[in-house]
Amino acid sequence: MPVRTLQDKVVVVGGASRNLGGLLSRRLGEHGAKVAVHYNSDSSREGAEETARAVEAAGGKAITHQADLTRVAGVEGLFDAAVRAFGRVDASVNTAGMVIKKPMTETSEEEYDRMFAVNAKAAYFTMREAAKRIERDGAIITIVTSLLAAYTGLYSVYAGSKAPVEHFTRALSKELFGRNISVNNIAPGPMDTSFFYPAEDEGSIAYHKSSAMNGDLTKVEDIVPYVLFLLTDGWWLNGQTLFINGGYTTR
């Protein structure tokens, strides 16, 4: 059986300036990977550059690239940058996303459009571009949410805009048969990051914590090993959504 490693593999990481994407990029560097560190806005530039420095200090190679992934040209430009720097793409991990929590009756058209642009459109075209660039023996991974398996209100447009990614994943994984490219999602529980807190209050934070087996939020450190697994020894898993959440939701 061949040994599957990340040494010299080229991985495009969407949303890599901080939180899950930042830690994942650092771990990829420790495994000798070459990482295209994506960031969205000028405010994220410093974090992305810090991530890239950490990747190289760990033994990998890195570039940074700013792009609005809700625009197809931005997605294409990110993959172009990876190919220019490293000659190819072997894998893609998209951690970028946006959350909003409010009743459906209070959700504006602008909020709806923005959430679907970030969580569905950007995911779709990132997957599409990865499929076009990876020749074979690779992986395409998208981070979704454990709320896909929840029966709850207030997250209609957040979970709703993540839901299409499951079908995108099933369809693309089937289309790539013959090239040995796996396509999967990871659905974390509510994560203890800056992404989570602005949408919540003290009571809801306590509720989310109480719903996992250890009475705490999911940590980015809990998720990274599963991403690394899918990029290496987990290559045979395909077309799936993995709920990594300490029992927060099941399906």
Protein backbone atom coordinates (compact mmCIF):
# COMPACT_ATOMS: atom_id res chain seq x y z
CA MET A 1 0.00 0.00 0.00
CA PRO A 2 1.48 3.40 -0.95
CA VAL A 3 2.35 5.84 1.82
CA ARG A 4 0.33 9.03 1.43
CA THR A 5 2.07 12.14 2.72
CA LEU A 6 1.76 15.88 2.33
CA GLN A 7 5.44 16.41 1.59
CA ASP A 8 5.69 18.85 -1.36
CA LYS A 9 1.93 18.69 -1.99
CA VAL A 10 0.35 21.95 -3.09
CA VAL A 11 -2.72 22.87 -1.05
CA VAL A 12 -4.95 25.91 -1.63
CA VAL A 13 -6.51 27.00 1.68
CA GLY A 14 -9.45 29.40 1.48
CA GLY A 15 -9.81 31.69 4.47
CA ALA A 16 -6.34 31.00 5.86
CA SER A 17 -5.51 34.20 7.71
CA ARG A 18 -6.78 32.99 11.10
CA ASN A 19 -8.90 30.46 13.00
CA LEU A 20 -9.27 27.03 11.36
CA GLY A 21 -7.66 27.99 8.06
CA GLY A 22 -4.70 29.55 9.82
CA LEU A 23 -4.01 26.57 12.07
CA LEU A 24 -4.51 24.11 9.22
CA SER A 25 -2.00 25.98 7.07
CA ARG A 26 0.56 25.83 9.86
CA ARG A 27 0.07 22.09 10.27
CA LEU A 28 0.40 21.61 6.52
CA GLY A 29 3.72 23.42 6.74
CA GLU A 30 4.86 21.00 9.44
CA HIS A 31 4.17 18.18 6.98
CA GLY A 32 6.25 19.82 4.25
CA ALA A 33 3.36 21.05 2.11
CA LYS A 34 3.28 24.08 -0.16
CA VAL A 35 0.37 26.29 0.84
CA ALA A 36 -1.50 29.02 -1.01
CA VAL A 37 -2.74 31.14 1.91
CA HIS A 38 -5.91 32.94 0.85
CA TYR A 39 -7.32 36.00 2.57
CA ASN A 40 -10.29 38.17 1.69
CA SER A 41 -9.74 41.76 2.82
CA ASP A 42 -6.99 44.23 3.63
CA SER A 43 -7.77 43.77 7.32
CA SER A 44 -6.79 40.10 7.00
CA ARG A 45 -3.50 40.73 5.20
CA GLU A 46 -1.33 40.82 8.31
CA GLY A 47 -2.83 37.56 9.59
CA ALA A 48 -2.28 35.88 6.24
CA GLU A 49 1.33 37.01 6.09
CA GLU A 50 1.88 35.76 9.64
CA THR A 51 0.37 32.41 8.63
CA ALA A 52 2.67 32.19 5.60
CA ARG A 53 5.73 32.93 7.72
CA ALA A 54 4.68 30.21 10.16
CA VAL A 55 4.25 27.70 7.33
CA GLU A 56 7.78 28.35 6.11
CA ALA A 57 9.23 28.33 9.62
CA ALA A 58 7.67 24.88 10.08
CA GLY A 59 9.37 23.54 6.96
CA GLY A 60 6.84 24.15 4.22
CA LYS A 61 6.50 26.80 1.54
CA ALA A 62 3.81 29.46 1.27
CA ILE A 63 2.43 32.32 -0.75
CA THR A 64 -0.37 34.71 0.19
CA HIS A 65 -3.11 35.80 -2.16
CA GLN A 66 -5.98 38.22 -1.64
CA ALA A 67 -9.25 37.44 -3.40
CA ASP A 68 -12.99 37.88 -3.12
CA LEU A 69 -14.16 34.30 -3.53
CA THR A 70 -17.74 35.39 -4.21
CA ARG A 71 -16.45 36.47 -7.64
CA VAL A 72 -15.45 33.73 -10.06
CA ALA A 73 -12.49 35.79 -11.24
CA GLY A 74 -11.28 35.91 -7.64
CA VAL A 75 -11.43 32.13 -7.32
CA GLU A 76 -9.65 31.63 -10.62
CA GLY A 77 -6.98 34.13 -9.61
CA LEU A 78 -6.30 32.26 -6.37
CA PHE A 79 -5.68 29.00 -8.20
CA ASP A 80 -3.67 30.81 -10.88
CA ALA A 81 -1.41 32.17 -8.12
CA ALA A 82 -0.89 28.68 -6.67
CA VAL A 83 0.03 27.26 -10.08
CA ARG A 84 2.39 30.16 -10.84
CA ALA A 85 4.18 29.71 -7.52
CA PHE A 86 4.26 25.93 -7.25
CA GLY A 87 3.51 24.52 -10.70
CA ARG A 88 0.31 22.63 -9.86
CA VAL A 89 -2.47 22.10 -7.30
CA ASP A 90 -2.92 18.83 -5.38
CA ALA A 91 -5.70 19.73 -2.95
CA SER A 92 -8.12 22.44 -1.90
CA VAL A 93 -9.55 23.16 1.55
CA ASN A 94 -12.14 25.93 1.76
CA THR A 95 -12.71 27.19 5.31
CA ALA A 96 -14.22 30.54 4.30
CA GLY A 97 -17.74 31.29 5.46
CA MET A 98 -20.13 33.80 6.99
CA VAL A 99 -22.74 33.42 9.73
CA ILE A 100 -25.86 35.36 10.57
CA LYS A 101 -28.38 34.54 13.29
CA LYS A 102 -31.82 36.11 13.15
CA PRO A 103 -35.46 35.17 12.49
CA MET A 104 -36.42 34.56 8.89
CA THR A 105 -38.99 37.35 9.17
CA GLU A 106 -36.19 39.83 9.88
CA THR A 107 -33.75 38.67 7.19
CA SER A 108 -33.23 41.18 4.39
CA GLU A 109 -32.73 40.42 0.72
CA GLU A 110 -29.23 41.87 0.96
CA GLU A 111 -28.37 39.53 3.85
CA TYR A 112 -29.78 36.55 1.99
CA ASP A 113 -27.80 37.34 -1.15
CA ARG A 114 -24.57 37.91 0.77
CA MET A 115 -24.87 34.67 2.74
CA PHE A 116 -25.51 32.59 -0.35
CA ALA A 117 -22.67 34.33 -2.17
CA VAL A 118 -20.16 33.50 0.56
CA ASN A 119 -21.40 30.09 1.71
CA ALA A 120 -22.77 28.57 -1.50
CA LYS A 121 -21.49 30.40 -4.58
CA ALA A 122 -17.90 30.74 -3.36
CA ALA A 123 -17.89 27.09 -2.27
CA TYR A 124 -19.26 25.96 -5.63
CA PHE A 125 -16.71 27.79 -7.75
CA THR A 126 -13.84 26.91 -5.43
CA MET A 127 -14.77 23.26 -5.86
CA ARG A 128 -15.16 23.74 -9.61
CA GLU A 129 -11.78 25.39 -9.97
CA ALA A 130 -10.06 22.77 -7.81
CA ALA A 131 -11.56 20.04 -9.99
CA LYS A 132 -10.21 21.77 -13.10
CA ARG A 133 -6.70 22.21 -11.68
CA ILE A 134 -6.06 18.92 -9.82
CA GLU A 135 -4.99 16.31 -12.35
CA ARG A 136 -5.48 13.22 -10.17
CA ASP A 137 -4.80 11.72 -6.72
CA GLY A 138 -6.00 14.77 -4.82
CA ALA A 139 -8.65 16.00 -2.43
CA ILE A 140 -11.28 18.74 -2.30
CA ILE A 141 -12.62 19.62 1.15
CA THR A 142 -15.20 22.21 2.21
CA ILE A 143 -16.03 23.25 5.75
CA VAL A 144 -19.80 23.41 6.34
CA THR A 145 -21.70 23.31 9.66
CA SER A 146 -23.21 20.81 12.09
CA LEU A 147 -26.39 22.88 11.96
CA LEU A 148 -27.15 20.95 8.76
CA ALA A 149 -28.32 18.20 11.11
CA ALA A 150 -30.10 20.48 13.61
CA TYR A 151 -33.80 21.22 14.05
CA THR A 152 -33.59 24.85 15.07
CA GLY A 153 -34.67 28.33 14.18
CA LEU A 154 -32.69 31.56 13.70
CA TYR A 155 -30.05 30.06 11.40
CA SER A 156 -32.25 29.64 8.32
CA VAL A 157 -30.09 31.61 5.93
CA TYR A 158 -26.78 30.44 7.44
CA ALA A 159 -27.46 26.70 7.48
CA GLY A 160 -29.62 27.10 4.38
CA SER A 161 -26.75 28.61 2.42
CA LYS A 162 -24.42 25.82 3.56
CA ALA A 163 -26.90 23.06 2.67
CA PRO A 164 -26.36 23.17 -1.12
CA VAL A 165 -22.68 22.33 -0.62
CA GLU A 166 -23.66 18.77 0.30
CA HIS A 167 -25.20 18.26 -3.13
CA PHE A 168 -22.32 20.02 -4.86
CA THR A 169 -20.04 17.54 -3.09
CA ARG A 170 -21.99 14.45 -4.08
CA ALA A 171 -22.25 15.59 -7.70
CA LEU A 172 -18.61 16.55 -8.09
CA SER A 173 -17.31 13.43 -6.38
CA LYS A 174 -19.24 11.36 -8.92
CA GLU A 175 -18.05 13.43 -11.86
CA LEU A 176 -14.41 12.92 -10.86
CA PHE A 177 -14.52 9.13 -10.86
CA GLY A 178 -11.43 7.80 -12.61
CA ARG A 179 -9.11 10.55 -11.37
CA ASN A 180 -8.80 9.40 -7.76
CA ILE A 181 -9.85 12.78 -6.37
CA SER A 182 -11.98 12.63 -3.23
CA VAL A 183 -14.54 15.33 -2.47
CA ASN A 184 -15.85 15.70 1.08
CA ASN A 185 -17.22 18.13 3.65
CA ILE A 186 -16.42 18.54 7.32
CA ALA A 187 -19.23 19.87 9.51
CA PRO A 188 -17.81 21.17 12.80
CA GLY A 189 -19.86 22.01 15.83
CA PRO A 190 -19.92 25.65 16.95
CA MET A 191 -16.24 26.58 17.12
CA ASP A 192 -14.49 28.62 19.76
CA THR A 193 -13.31 31.31 17.33
CA SER A 194 -13.97 34.95 16.47
CA PHE A 195 -16.35 33.66 13.76
CA PHE A 196 -18.77 32.31 16.39
CA TYR A 197 -19.17 34.90 19.13
CA PRO A 198 -20.59 37.97 17.35
CA ALA A 199 -23.79 36.06 16.47
CA GLU A 200 -24.38 34.69 19.98
CA ASP A 201 -25.24 35.88 23.50
CA GLU A 202 -24.38 34.51 26.93
CA GLY A 203 -27.40 32.21 27.07
CA SER A 204 -26.97 30.74 23.59
CA ILE A 205 -23.25 30.20 24.15
CA ALA A 206 -24.06 28.20 27.28
CA TYR A 207 -26.64 26.17 25.34
CA HIS A 208 -24.22 25.37 22.53
CA LYS A 209 -21.61 24.27 25.05
CA SER A 210 -24.07 22.03 26.89
CA SER A 211 -24.93 20.19 23.67
CA ALA A 212 -21.49 18.60 23.24
CA MET A 213 -20.20 15.64 25.22
CA ASN A 214 -17.64 17.62 27.21
CA GLY A 215 -19.76 20.73 27.78
CA ASP A 216 -17.59 22.90 25.57
CA LEU A 217 -17.36 24.35 22.08
CA THR A 218 -15.50 22.66 19.26
CA LYS A 219 -11.88 23.82 19.00
CA VAL A 220 -10.04 24.33 15.74
CA GLU A 221 -7.50 21.86 17.10
CA ASP A 222 -10.30 19.25 17.11
CA ILE A 223 -10.95 19.70 13.39
CA VAL A 224 -7.49 19.96 11.84
CA PRO A 225 -6.59 16.25 12.34
CA TYR A 226 -9.65 15.21 10.35
CA VAL A 227 -8.73 17.55 7.49
CA LEU A 228 -5.22 16.11 7.45
CA PHE A 229 -6.71 12.61 7.48
CA LEU A 230 -8.86 13.34 4.42
CA LEU A 231 -5.80 14.75 2.67
CA THR A 232 -3.77 11.58 3.31
CA ASP A 233 -4.87 8.19 4.64
CA GLY A 234 -8.58 9.08 4.35
CA TRP A 235 -8.46 9.25 0.56
CA TRP A 236 -11.00 6.42 0.16
CA LEU A 237 -13.74 8.40 1.89
CA ASN A 238 -15.68 10.19 -0.84
CA GLY A 239 -18.86 12.23 -1.32
CA GLN A 240 -19.47 12.49 2.44
CA THR A 241 -20.13 15.05 5.14
CA LEU A 242 -18.33 14.29 8.42
CA PHE A 243 -19.97 15.72 11.54
CA ILE A 244 -17.04 16.43 13.88
CA ASN A 245 -18.73 17.98 16.87
CA GLY A 246 -18.61 15.93 20.07
CA GLY A 247 -22.21 14.79 19.58
CA TYR A 248 -23.62 18.32 19.17
CA THR A 249 -25.77 17.00 16.34
CA THR A 250 -25.93 13.61 14.63
CA ARG A 251 -27.40 12.34 11.40
